[in-house]
Amino acid sequence: MSLPAKQEQVSPDTFLRGLWQENPVFVMLLGMCPVLAVTNSAINALAMGLATTFVLVASSTLISLLRKLIPRQVRIATYIVIIATFVTMVDYTIQAISLDLYNALGAFIQLIVVNCVILGRAEAYASKQRLGATIVNGLGMGAGFTIALLCLGTVREILGAGSLFGVPLFSANFQPWVVMILPPGGFFVLGGWLLAFNWYRQRRARKVMAQQGAPVHGS
């Protein structure tokens, strides 16, 4: 018999953790399929980020409310059914709002069902925590995922198409880097962002250690 999980008190860190310490893309490297596939433009990246955030928060909310009623033996299957329900809602909503956006995102909307970010938060957090902490944490993780997608989508669209959210940024003489809106461009830009993110994290950690008087490796 497992011990009950310790209930987390809602604090700014409950939200900010998803932006920094546990960023789904830059730290945990989850959900890489949509990160690489749909970030060839900023609008696609934003739409996928918001769709994923909605599904994450909505499914986590319902799972937290039902956590004491869901039998442990069928919890994963139950989580998938709940997540799939909200993904279907998002799928039809995007299709009704913009067919062009729906076609651009393609099958990756439906694949939100198997996004490790959502199922992982359902199992590791929502099924163990109260409603308030679950909603705040879900919003933080969703915001972190959306920001990461936007970081990739912005760079790829600017360099690959010379525009941002469809608005041209350069003169007609600009020569787009076509590779940036192709699949290899996703890997190049993701690698660059991971390098920058980890460099900044290490630099910040060394600064904190120096302020505390601890020895800093590599200094």
Protein backbone atom coordinates (compact mmCIF):
# COMPACT_ATOMS: atom_id res chain seq x y z
CA MET A 1 0.00 0.00 0.00
CA SER A 2 1.57 3.30 -1.10
CA LEU A 3 1.73 6.30 1.16
CA PRO A 4 -0.42 9.33 0.23
CA ALA A 5 1.46 12.00 -1.70
CA LYS A 6 2.43 15.17 0.10
CA GLN A 7 0.08 17.99 -0.85
CA GLU A 8 1.86 20.97 -2.37
CA GLN A 9 0.91 24.47 -1.27
CA VAL A 10 0.19 26.83 -4.16
CA SER A 11 3.02 29.34 -4.58
CA PRO A 12 4.67 31.28 -7.41
CA ASP A 13 7.08 28.37 -7.80
CA THR A 14 4.15 26.07 -8.60
CA PHE A 15 3.65 28.06 -11.81
CA LEU A 16 7.22 29.16 -12.55
CA ARG A 17 8.62 25.65 -12.34
CA GLY A 18 7.16 24.84 -15.75
CA LEU A 19 8.81 27.89 -17.28
CA TRP A 20 12.29 27.22 -15.97
CA GLN A 21 13.31 24.28 -13.75
CA GLU A 22 10.96 21.79 -15.43
CA ASN A 23 10.44 23.33 -18.85
CA PRO A 24 8.89 20.50 -20.92
CA VAL A 25 11.07 21.15 -23.99
CA PHE A 26 14.34 22.74 -22.89
CA VAL A 27 14.80 20.70 -19.69
CA MET A 28 12.68 17.54 -19.86
CA LEU A 29 12.86 17.12 -23.66
CA LEU A 30 9.23 16.00 -23.89
CA GLY A 31 6.81 16.41 -26.78
CA MET A 32 9.59 16.60 -29.35
CA CYS A 33 7.36 15.48 -32.23
CA PRO A 34 5.20 18.65 -32.41
CA VAL A 35 8.15 20.80 -31.33
CA LEU A 36 10.04 19.85 -34.48
CA ALA A 37 7.11 19.34 -36.84
CA VAL A 38 4.83 22.38 -36.47
CA THR A 39 7.26 25.16 -35.58
CA ASN A 40 8.00 26.20 -39.17
CA SER A 41 5.97 29.34 -38.44
CA ALA A 42 5.17 31.34 -35.34
CA ILE A 43 1.39 31.11 -35.79
CA ASN A 44 1.52 27.31 -36.02
CA ALA A 45 3.73 27.17 -32.93
CA LEU A 46 1.39 29.45 -30.96
CA ALA A 47 -1.71 27.50 -32.00
CA MET A 48 -0.18 24.16 -31.03
CA GLY A 49 1.08 25.59 -27.73
CA LEU A 50 -2.33 26.99 -26.79
CA ALA A 51 -4.11 23.80 -27.85
CA THR A 52 -1.74 21.69 -25.76
CA THR A 53 -2.09 24.05 -22.79
CA PHE A 54 -5.89 23.82 -22.90
CA VAL A 55 -5.82 20.02 -23.02
CA LEU A 56 -3.20 19.88 -20.26
CA VAL A 57 -5.08 22.18 -17.88
CA ALA A 58 -8.55 20.77 -18.62
CA SER A 59 -7.54 17.11 -18.35
CA SER A 60 -5.42 17.72 -15.24
CA THR A 61 -8.34 19.54 -13.61
CA LEU A 62 -10.75 16.68 -14.22
CA ILE A 63 -8.22 14.06 -13.16
CA SER A 64 -7.50 15.95 -9.94
CA LEU A 65 -11.23 16.14 -9.17
CA LEU A 66 -11.71 12.42 -9.83
CA ARG A 67 -8.38 11.20 -8.40
CA LYS A 68 -9.99 9.43 -5.43
CA LEU A 69 -12.65 7.78 -7.60
CA ILE A 70 -10.45 6.40 -10.40
CA PRO A 71 -9.39 2.77 -9.67
CA ARG A 72 -5.62 2.47 -9.68
CA GLN A 73 -5.72 -0.55 -11.98
CA VAL A 74 -7.29 1.42 -14.85
CA ARG A 75 -5.90 4.87 -14.14
CA ILE A 76 -3.77 5.15 -17.31
CA ALA A 77 -6.63 4.07 -19.56
CA THR A 78 -8.92 6.53 -17.77
CA TYR A 79 -6.41 9.36 -18.20
CA ILE A 80 -6.14 8.65 -21.92
CA VAL A 81 -9.92 8.69 -22.34
CA ILE A 82 -10.14 12.04 -20.51
CA ILE A 83 -7.27 13.53 -22.53
CA ALA A 84 -8.75 12.23 -25.80
CA THR A 85 -12.08 13.89 -24.99
CA PHE A 86 -10.49 17.32 -24.67
CA VAL A 87 -8.28 16.74 -27.73
CA THR A 88 -11.43 16.03 -29.76
CA MET A 89 -12.91 19.31 -28.55
CA VAL A 90 -9.75 21.18 -29.61
CA ASP A 91 -9.68 19.37 -32.95
CA TYR A 92 -13.20 20.42 -33.88
CA THR A 93 -12.71 23.95 -32.55
CA ILE A 94 -9.60 24.60 -34.66
CA GLN A 95 -11.31 23.08 -37.69
CA ALA A 96 -14.25 25.45 -37.21
CA ILE A 97 -12.08 28.54 -36.67
CA SER A 98 -9.56 28.12 -39.49
CA LEU A 99 -9.30 25.31 -42.02
CA ASP A 100 -5.90 26.59 -43.17
CA LEU A 101 -4.52 26.36 -39.63
CA TYR A 102 -6.15 22.97 -39.16
CA ASN A 103 -4.51 21.65 -42.34
CA ALA A 104 -1.15 23.17 -41.36
CA LEU A 105 -1.17 21.42 -37.98
CA GLY A 106 -2.40 18.20 -39.58
CA ALA A 107 -2.35 15.01 -37.52
CA PHE A 108 -0.35 16.65 -34.74
CA ILE A 109 -3.56 17.96 -33.17
CA GLN A 110 -4.82 14.41 -32.66
CA LEU A 111 -1.37 13.34 -31.47
CA ILE A 112 -1.75 15.62 -28.45
CA VAL A 113 -3.42 12.54 -26.93
CA VAL A 114 -0.04 10.80 -26.66
CA ASN A 115 1.98 13.87 -25.73
CA CYS A 116 4.22 12.84 -22.85
CA VAL A 117 3.86 16.27 -21.25
CA ILE A 118 0.13 15.78 -20.67
CA LEU A 119 0.09 12.12 -19.67
CA GLY A 120 3.16 12.64 -17.51
CA ARG A 121 1.57 15.50 -15.57
CA ALA A 122 -1.61 13.49 -15.15
CA GLU A 123 0.26 10.55 -13.60
CA ALA A 124 2.96 12.43 -11.67
CA TYR A 125 1.04 15.49 -10.47
CA ALA A 126 -2.71 15.81 -11.14
CA SER A 127 -3.52 12.38 -9.72
CA LYS A 128 -1.81 13.28 -6.44
CA GLN A 129 -2.48 16.98 -5.86
CA ARG A 130 -5.44 19.19 -4.99
CA LEU A 131 -7.31 21.17 -7.65
CA GLY A 132 -5.71 24.57 -7.05
CA ALA A 133 -2.12 23.38 -7.28
CA THR A 134 -2.98 21.20 -10.28
CA ILE A 135 -4.45 24.10 -12.27
CA VAL A 136 -1.57 26.46 -11.48
CA ASN A 137 1.05 23.83 -12.27
CA GLY A 138 -0.73 22.90 -15.50
CA LEU A 139 -0.81 26.52 -16.59
CA GLY A 140 2.91 26.85 -15.88
CA MET A 141 3.80 23.70 -17.81
CA GLY A 142 1.57 24.76 -20.69
CA ALA A 143 3.08 28.24 -20.75
CA GLY A 144 6.58 26.74 -20.73
CA PHE A 145 5.68 24.46 -23.64
CA THR A 146 4.09 27.32 -25.60
CA ILE A 147 7.07 29.64 -25.04
CA ALA A 148 9.45 26.92 -26.19
CA LEU A 149 7.44 26.36 -29.38
CA LEU A 150 7.34 30.10 -30.00
CA CYS A 151 11.10 30.34 -29.56
CA LEU A 152 11.58 27.81 -32.33
CA GLY A 153 8.76 29.06 -34.55
CA THR A 154 9.90 32.68 -34.40
CA VAL A 155 13.49 31.93 -35.41
CA ARG A 156 12.50 29.49 -38.13
CA GLU A 157 9.92 31.82 -39.70
CA ILE A 158 12.14 34.89 -39.60
CA LEU A 159 15.11 33.12 -41.16
CA GLY A 160 13.15 30.76 -43.39
CA ALA A 161 10.48 33.10 -44.72
CA GLY A 162 11.60 36.60 -43.75
CA SER A 163 8.37 37.21 -41.84
CA LEU A 164 6.84 36.95 -38.37
CA PHE A 165 3.22 35.86 -37.93
CA GLY A 166 2.93 36.30 -41.70
CA VAL A 167 4.09 39.93 -41.66
CA PRO A 168 7.14 40.56 -43.91
CA LEU A 169 10.14 41.93 -41.99
CA PHE A 170 12.71 42.50 -44.74
CA SER A 171 12.92 44.00 -48.21
CA ALA A 172 12.45 42.04 -51.40
CA ASN A 173 16.23 41.53 -51.54
CA PHE A 174 16.18 39.22 -48.53
CA GLN A 175 17.15 35.66 -49.42
CA PRO A 176 15.29 33.23 -47.12
CA TRP A 177 17.13 30.31 -45.56
CA VAL A 178 14.74 27.70 -46.91
CA VAL A 179 16.33 24.97 -44.80
CA MET A 180 14.88 26.63 -41.70
CA ILE A 181 11.28 25.81 -42.62
CA LEU A 182 12.23 22.26 -43.61
CA PRO A 183 12.60 19.39 -41.07
CA PRO A 184 16.40 19.81 -40.70
CA GLY A 185 15.85 23.42 -39.68
CA GLY A 186 13.85 22.27 -36.66
CA PHE A 187 16.80 20.23 -35.41
CA PHE A 188 19.26 23.09 -36.03
CA VAL A 189 17.16 25.66 -34.17
CA LEU A 190 16.27 23.28 -31.33
CA GLY A 191 19.96 22.49 -30.85
CA GLY A 192 20.78 26.19 -30.73
CA TRP A 193 18.09 26.93 -28.16
CA LEU A 194 19.10 23.96 -25.99
CA LEU A 195 22.69 25.17 -26.06
CA ALA A 196 21.69 28.73 -25.10
CA PHE A 197 19.24 27.57 -22.41
CA ASN A 198 21.71 25.22 -20.73
CA TRP A 199 24.54 27.77 -20.95
CA TYR A 200 22.36 30.33 -19.17
CA ARG A 201 21.26 27.80 -16.52
CA GLN A 202 24.88 26.87 -15.76
CA ARG A 203 25.93 30.52 -15.69
CA ARG A 204 23.11 31.34 -13.28
CA ALA A 205 23.96 28.33 -11.09
CA ARG A 206 27.61 29.38 -10.89
CA LYS A 207 26.55 32.89 -9.93
CA VAL A 208 24.33 31.59 -7.13
CA MET A 209 27.11 29.33 -5.84
CA ALA A 210 29.57 32.23 -5.89
CA GLN A 211 27.15 34.38 -3.86
CA GLN A 212 26.84 31.56 -1.31
CA GLY A 213 30.60 31.23 -1.08
CA ALA A 214 30.71 27.70 -2.49
CA PRO A 215 33.60 26.65 -4.74
CA VAL A 216 32.75 27.10 -8.42
CA HIS A 217 34.02 24.42 -10.83
CA GLY A 218 35.76 25.73 -13.91
CA SER A 219 36.55 29.13 -12.42
